[in-house]
Every structure is written in structure tokens, then in C-alpha cells.
N, C-alpha and C. Protein backbone atom coordinates (compact mmCIF):
# COMPACT_ATOMS: atom_id res chain seq x y z
N MET A 1 125.25 49.03 28.83
CA MET A 1 125.30 48.24 30.05
C MET A 1 124.51 48.94 31.15
N PHE A 2 124.92 50.20 31.46
CA PHE A 2 124.20 50.94 32.48
C PHE A 2 124.53 52.43 32.40
N ASP A 3 123.67 53.22 33.02
CA ASP A 3 123.86 54.66 33.15
C ASP A 3 124.09 54.98 34.61
N LYS A 4 124.84 56.05 34.86
CA LYS A 4 125.10 56.50 36.23
C LYS A 4 124.91 58.01 36.27
N VAL A 5 124.01 58.48 37.12
CA VAL A 5 123.86 59.92 37.34
C VAL A 5 124.96 60.31 38.33
N VAL A 6 125.82 61.22 37.92
CA VAL A 6 126.95 61.57 38.78
C VAL A 6 126.50 62.49 39.91
N THR A 7 127.11 62.27 41.06
CA THR A 7 126.80 63.02 42.27
C THR A 7 127.81 64.14 42.46
N PRO A 8 127.55 65.06 43.39
CA PRO A 8 128.55 66.10 43.66
C PRO A 8 129.92 65.52 44.03
N SER A 9 129.95 64.42 44.79
CA SER A 9 131.25 63.85 45.15
C SER A 9 131.92 63.15 43.97
N ASP A 10 131.15 62.68 42.99
CA ASP A 10 131.74 62.06 41.79
C ASP A 10 132.49 63.08 40.94
N VAL A 11 132.06 64.33 40.98
CA VAL A 11 132.70 65.37 40.16
C VAL A 11 133.47 66.36 41.02
N GLY A 12 133.64 66.04 42.31
CA GLY A 12 134.32 66.94 43.23
C GLY A 12 135.78 66.60 43.43
N LYS A 13 136.30 67.03 44.56
CA LYS A 13 137.73 66.94 44.85
C LYS A 13 138.22 65.53 45.18
N LEU A 14 137.32 64.59 45.34
CA LEU A 14 137.75 63.22 45.64
C LEU A 14 138.33 62.52 44.41
N ASN A 15 138.09 63.07 43.22
CA ASN A 15 138.65 62.53 41.97
C ASN A 15 138.36 61.05 41.79
N ARG A 16 137.10 60.70 41.99
CA ARG A 16 136.72 59.31 41.80
C ARG A 16 135.24 59.22 41.45
N LEU A 17 134.90 58.17 40.71
CA LEU A 17 133.51 57.87 40.37
C LEU A 17 133.12 56.59 41.09
N VAL A 18 132.09 56.66 41.91
CA VAL A 18 131.59 55.46 42.58
C VAL A 18 130.68 54.71 41.61
N ILE A 19 130.99 53.43 41.43
CA ILE A 19 130.17 52.56 40.58
C ILE A 19 129.21 51.80 41.49
N PRO A 20 127.90 51.88 41.24
CA PRO A 20 126.95 51.15 42.08
C PRO A 20 127.31 49.66 42.16
N LYS A 21 127.19 49.11 43.36
CA LYS A 21 127.63 47.74 43.62
C LYS A 21 127.06 46.73 42.62
N GLN A 22 125.77 46.84 42.32
CA GLN A 22 125.17 45.83 41.42
C GLN A 22 125.79 45.88 40.03
N HIS A 23 126.14 47.06 39.55
CA HIS A 23 126.78 47.18 38.24
C HIS A 23 128.25 46.79 38.31
N ALA A 24 128.91 47.18 39.39
CA ALA A 24 130.33 46.85 39.55
C ALA A 24 130.53 45.34 39.54
N GLU A 25 129.73 44.64 40.31
CA GLU A 25 129.90 43.19 40.43
C GLU A 25 129.46 42.45 39.17
N ARG A 26 128.53 43.01 38.43
CA ARG A 26 128.06 42.36 37.21
C ARG A 26 128.99 42.62 36.03
N TYR A 27 129.40 43.87 35.84
CA TYR A 27 130.15 44.24 34.64
C TYR A 27 131.66 44.35 34.82
N PHE A 28 132.09 44.66 36.04
CA PHE A 28 133.52 44.84 36.29
C PHE A 28 133.97 44.00 37.49
N PRO A 29 133.78 42.69 37.45
CA PRO A 29 134.15 41.88 38.62
C PRO A 29 135.66 41.93 38.88
N LEU A 30 136.00 42.04 40.14
CA LEU A 30 137.40 42.06 40.55
C LEU A 30 137.76 40.75 41.22
N ASP A 31 138.97 40.30 41.00
CA ASP A 31 139.51 39.15 41.70
C ASP A 31 139.76 39.58 43.14
N SER A 32 139.29 38.81 44.10
CA SER A 32 139.41 39.20 45.50
C SER A 32 140.86 39.31 45.96
N THR A 33 141.80 38.72 45.23
CA THR A 33 143.21 38.81 45.62
C THR A 33 143.88 40.04 45.01
N ASN A 34 143.17 40.76 44.16
CA ASN A 34 143.74 41.91 43.46
C ASN A 34 143.38 43.20 44.19
N ASP A 35 144.22 43.61 45.13
CA ASP A 35 143.91 44.81 45.91
C ASP A 35 144.28 46.11 45.21
N LYS A 36 145.00 46.03 44.09
CA LYS A 36 145.36 47.24 43.35
C LYS A 36 144.35 47.58 42.26
N GLY A 37 143.41 46.69 42.02
CA GLY A 37 142.41 46.94 41.00
C GLY A 37 142.95 46.63 39.62
N MET A 38 142.34 47.27 38.61
CA MET A 38 142.74 47.03 37.23
C MET A 38 142.44 48.26 36.40
N LEU A 39 143.03 48.29 35.21
CA LEU A 39 142.78 49.39 34.29
C LEU A 39 141.66 49.00 33.34
N LEU A 40 140.71 49.91 33.15
CA LEU A 40 139.63 49.69 32.21
C LEU A 40 139.77 50.68 31.07
N ASN A 41 139.59 50.20 29.85
CA ASN A 41 139.71 51.03 28.66
C ASN A 41 138.34 51.30 28.05
N PHE A 42 138.12 52.54 27.69
CA PHE A 42 136.87 52.97 27.09
C PHE A 42 137.16 53.86 25.90
N GLU A 43 136.15 54.07 25.09
CA GLU A 43 136.17 55.12 24.07
C GLU A 43 134.93 55.97 24.30
N ASP A 44 135.08 57.29 24.14
CA ASP A 44 133.89 58.12 24.24
C ASP A 44 133.17 58.11 22.90
N ARG A 45 132.11 58.87 22.80
CA ARG A 45 131.30 58.84 21.58
C ARG A 45 132.01 59.39 20.36
N THR A 46 133.11 60.09 20.58
CA THR A 46 133.89 60.61 19.45
C THR A 46 135.01 59.65 19.05
N GLY A 47 135.16 58.55 19.79
CA GLY A 47 136.22 57.59 19.51
C GLY A 47 137.50 57.83 20.28
N LYS A 48 137.51 58.85 21.14
CA LYS A 48 138.72 59.14 21.93
C LYS A 48 138.87 58.08 23.02
N PRO A 49 140.08 57.52 23.16
CA PRO A 49 140.30 56.51 24.20
C PRO A 49 140.44 57.13 25.59
N TRP A 50 139.92 56.42 26.58
CA TRP A 50 140.03 56.81 27.98
C TRP A 50 140.41 55.57 28.78
N ARG A 51 141.25 55.76 29.79
CA ARG A 51 141.66 54.66 30.65
C ARG A 51 141.47 55.10 32.10
N PHE A 52 140.82 54.24 32.87
CA PHE A 52 140.57 54.53 34.28
C PHE A 52 141.07 53.38 35.15
N ARG A 53 141.62 53.72 36.31
CA ARG A 53 141.94 52.68 37.29
C ARG A 53 140.65 52.38 38.04
N TYR A 54 140.35 51.10 38.15
CA TYR A 54 139.14 50.64 38.81
C TYR A 54 139.53 49.75 39.97
N SER A 55 138.97 50.01 41.14
CA SER A 55 139.34 49.22 42.31
C SER A 55 138.22 49.25 43.35
N TYR A 56 138.43 48.46 44.39
CA TYR A 56 137.50 48.40 45.51
C TYR A 56 138.15 49.07 46.70
N TRP A 57 137.46 50.02 47.30
CA TRP A 57 137.97 50.69 48.49
C TRP A 57 137.35 50.04 49.72
N ASN A 58 138.19 49.36 50.49
CA ASN A 58 137.70 48.73 51.71
C ASN A 58 137.19 49.76 52.70
N SER A 59 137.85 50.92 52.77
CA SER A 59 137.48 51.93 53.76
C SER A 59 136.03 52.38 53.63
N SER A 60 135.56 52.52 52.41
CA SER A 60 134.18 52.96 52.19
C SER A 60 133.31 51.84 51.60
N GLN A 61 133.91 50.67 51.43
CA GLN A 61 133.23 49.51 50.85
C GLN A 61 132.54 49.89 49.55
N SER A 62 133.31 50.52 48.65
CA SER A 62 132.75 50.95 47.38
C SER A 62 133.69 50.65 46.22
N TYR A 63 133.09 50.48 45.06
CA TYR A 63 133.83 50.27 43.81
C TYR A 63 134.00 51.62 43.15
N VAL A 64 135.22 51.94 42.76
CA VAL A 64 135.49 53.29 42.25
C VAL A 64 136.41 53.27 41.03
N MET A 65 136.24 54.29 40.20
CA MET A 65 137.19 54.59 39.13
C MET A 65 137.93 55.83 39.59
N THR A 66 139.26 55.75 39.56
CA THR A 66 140.07 56.84 40.09
C THR A 66 140.93 57.45 39.00
N LYS A 67 142.14 56.96 38.84
CA LYS A 67 143.08 57.56 37.89
C LYS A 67 142.43 57.72 36.52
N GLY A 68 142.50 58.91 35.97
CA GLY A 68 141.91 59.20 34.68
C GLY A 68 140.53 59.83 34.77
N TRP A 69 139.85 59.62 35.89
CA TRP A 69 138.48 60.13 36.02
C TRP A 69 138.43 61.66 36.06
N SER A 70 139.32 62.30 36.81
CA SER A 70 139.26 63.77 36.92
C SER A 70 139.49 64.43 35.56
N ARG A 71 140.34 63.86 34.74
CA ARG A 71 140.58 64.41 33.40
C ARG A 71 139.31 64.29 32.55
N PHE A 72 138.62 63.16 32.67
CA PHE A 72 137.37 62.98 31.94
C PHE A 72 136.33 64.02 32.39
N VAL A 73 136.22 64.21 33.70
CA VAL A 73 135.27 65.18 34.25
C VAL A 73 135.55 66.57 33.69
N LYS A 74 136.83 66.96 33.70
CA LYS A 74 137.19 68.30 33.22
C LYS A 74 136.95 68.45 31.73
N GLU A 75 137.39 67.47 30.95
CA GLU A 75 137.25 67.60 29.50
C GLU A 75 135.79 67.58 29.06
N LYS A 76 134.97 66.76 29.73
CA LYS A 76 133.56 66.66 29.37
C LYS A 76 132.70 67.70 30.10
N ARG A 77 133.32 68.44 30.99
CA ARG A 77 132.63 69.48 31.78
C ARG A 77 131.41 68.90 32.51
N LEU A 78 131.65 67.80 33.18
CA LEU A 78 130.57 67.13 33.91
C LEU A 78 130.20 67.90 35.16
N ASP A 79 128.92 67.91 35.45
CA ASP A 79 128.39 68.50 36.67
C ASP A 79 127.51 67.45 37.36
N ALA A 80 127.30 67.65 38.66
CA ALA A 80 126.39 66.77 39.39
C ALA A 80 125.04 66.78 38.69
N GLY A 81 124.45 65.60 38.55
CA GLY A 81 123.18 65.48 37.87
C GLY A 81 123.30 65.02 36.42
N ASP A 82 124.50 65.15 35.84
CA ASP A 82 124.73 64.65 34.49
C ASP A 82 124.74 63.12 34.52
N THR A 83 124.51 62.51 33.39
CA THR A 83 124.50 61.06 33.28
C THR A 83 125.68 60.57 32.46
N VAL A 84 126.37 59.57 32.98
CA VAL A 84 127.46 58.91 32.27
C VAL A 84 126.95 57.52 31.89
N SER A 85 127.12 57.16 30.62
CA SER A 85 126.63 55.87 30.12
C SER A 85 127.81 54.96 29.80
N PHE A 86 127.70 53.71 30.22
CA PHE A 86 128.73 52.71 29.96
C PHE A 86 128.17 51.66 29.02
N GLY A 87 128.93 51.34 27.96
CA GLY A 87 128.51 50.31 27.01
C GLY A 87 129.65 49.35 26.74
N ARG A 88 129.30 48.09 26.52
CA ARG A 88 130.31 47.06 26.29
C ARG A 88 130.79 47.06 24.85
N GLY A 89 132.07 46.81 24.69
CA GLY A 89 132.67 46.75 23.36
C GLY A 89 132.94 45.33 22.92
N VAL A 90 133.64 45.22 21.82
CA VAL A 90 133.99 43.91 21.26
C VAL A 90 135.48 43.86 20.98
N GLY A 91 136.26 44.47 21.86
CA GLY A 91 137.70 44.56 21.66
C GLY A 91 138.42 43.25 21.91
N GLU A 92 139.75 43.34 21.89
CA GLU A 92 140.58 42.16 22.06
C GLU A 92 140.42 41.53 23.43
N ALA A 93 140.27 42.36 24.45
CA ALA A 93 140.12 41.85 25.81
C ALA A 93 138.78 42.33 26.35
N PRO A 94 137.69 41.64 26.03
CA PRO A 94 136.37 42.16 26.38
C PRO A 94 136.16 42.37 27.87
N GLU A 95 136.94 41.71 28.70
CA GLU A 95 136.75 41.92 30.13
C GLU A 95 137.28 43.27 30.60
N THR A 96 138.15 43.90 29.82
CA THR A 96 138.68 45.21 30.22
C THR A 96 138.53 46.26 29.14
N ALA A 97 137.82 45.96 28.06
CA ALA A 97 137.64 46.94 26.98
C ALA A 97 136.15 47.19 26.79
N PHE A 98 135.74 48.41 27.00
CA PHE A 98 134.34 48.76 26.89
C PHE A 98 134.23 49.85 25.85
N SER A 99 133.29 49.68 24.94
CA SER A 99 133.29 50.51 23.74
C SER A 99 132.95 51.96 23.98
N SER A 100 132.15 52.24 24.98
CA SER A 100 131.74 53.63 25.06
C SER A 100 131.54 54.10 26.48
N ILE A 101 131.87 55.34 26.66
CA ILE A 101 131.53 56.06 27.87
C ILE A 101 131.11 57.43 27.38
N GLY A 102 129.93 57.81 27.70
CA GLY A 102 129.43 59.08 27.19
C GLY A 102 128.76 59.86 28.29
N SER A 103 128.57 61.12 28.04
CA SER A 103 127.91 61.96 29.03
C SER A 103 126.80 62.74 28.37
N ALA A 104 125.77 62.98 29.14
CA ALA A 104 124.65 63.79 28.67
C ALA A 104 124.13 64.61 29.84
N ALA A 105 123.84 65.85 29.59
CA ALA A 105 123.32 66.72 30.66
C ALA A 105 121.88 66.36 30.95
């Protein structure tokens, strides 16, 4: 679907990944009445499942993945400048199941 080069703030103490607006609105559309966001399910390239809370932050007008993201950063040892790739899956709920999330230095 798309790649995202992570920034220092994506891998820092804010514990969130900002999803570029054009990708967020195309691949992860949110219902405007859903202020709590939704959970997105992924598998990494090894088949390990990952779940992230995805929501829109009005304060910064940005789409973000929060809960679960810091664990992914730590386990994958992500640094600013690394690329995270998102790919669509064919699971039971295609709107919330994405087959892959991978990282490459």
C-alpha cells in the first residue's frame, strides 16, 4: 500500500506513528463520529501479529497509530530514517486486517 520513513518523533517519547494524511484517508478511513479510533491488525514479515490503535488527533490534526506502536519500535529496533512498509491483506475483515508491516533500515 505505502511506505513511511519514520521521523525522530515517530520513534521517540510520543509513542505514536503519524500516518500521512493522503495514506490515512485512502487506506484507513475513519468514521467522523468515531472519536476513539479503531484497532488495526497487522502481521510482520515473520508472521507475528501486531495490533495498533489508530485514531485522529484533533489537537495536531493528524492521523496516528498509538497503542502497540512503542512495542513495535522497540522490538524492531527502529530508528529515525528507517522505512516501515504497509501492505493489505485478505483477512476476514479487510477494512481492519492488513497483511504486513515491515521495517528496513
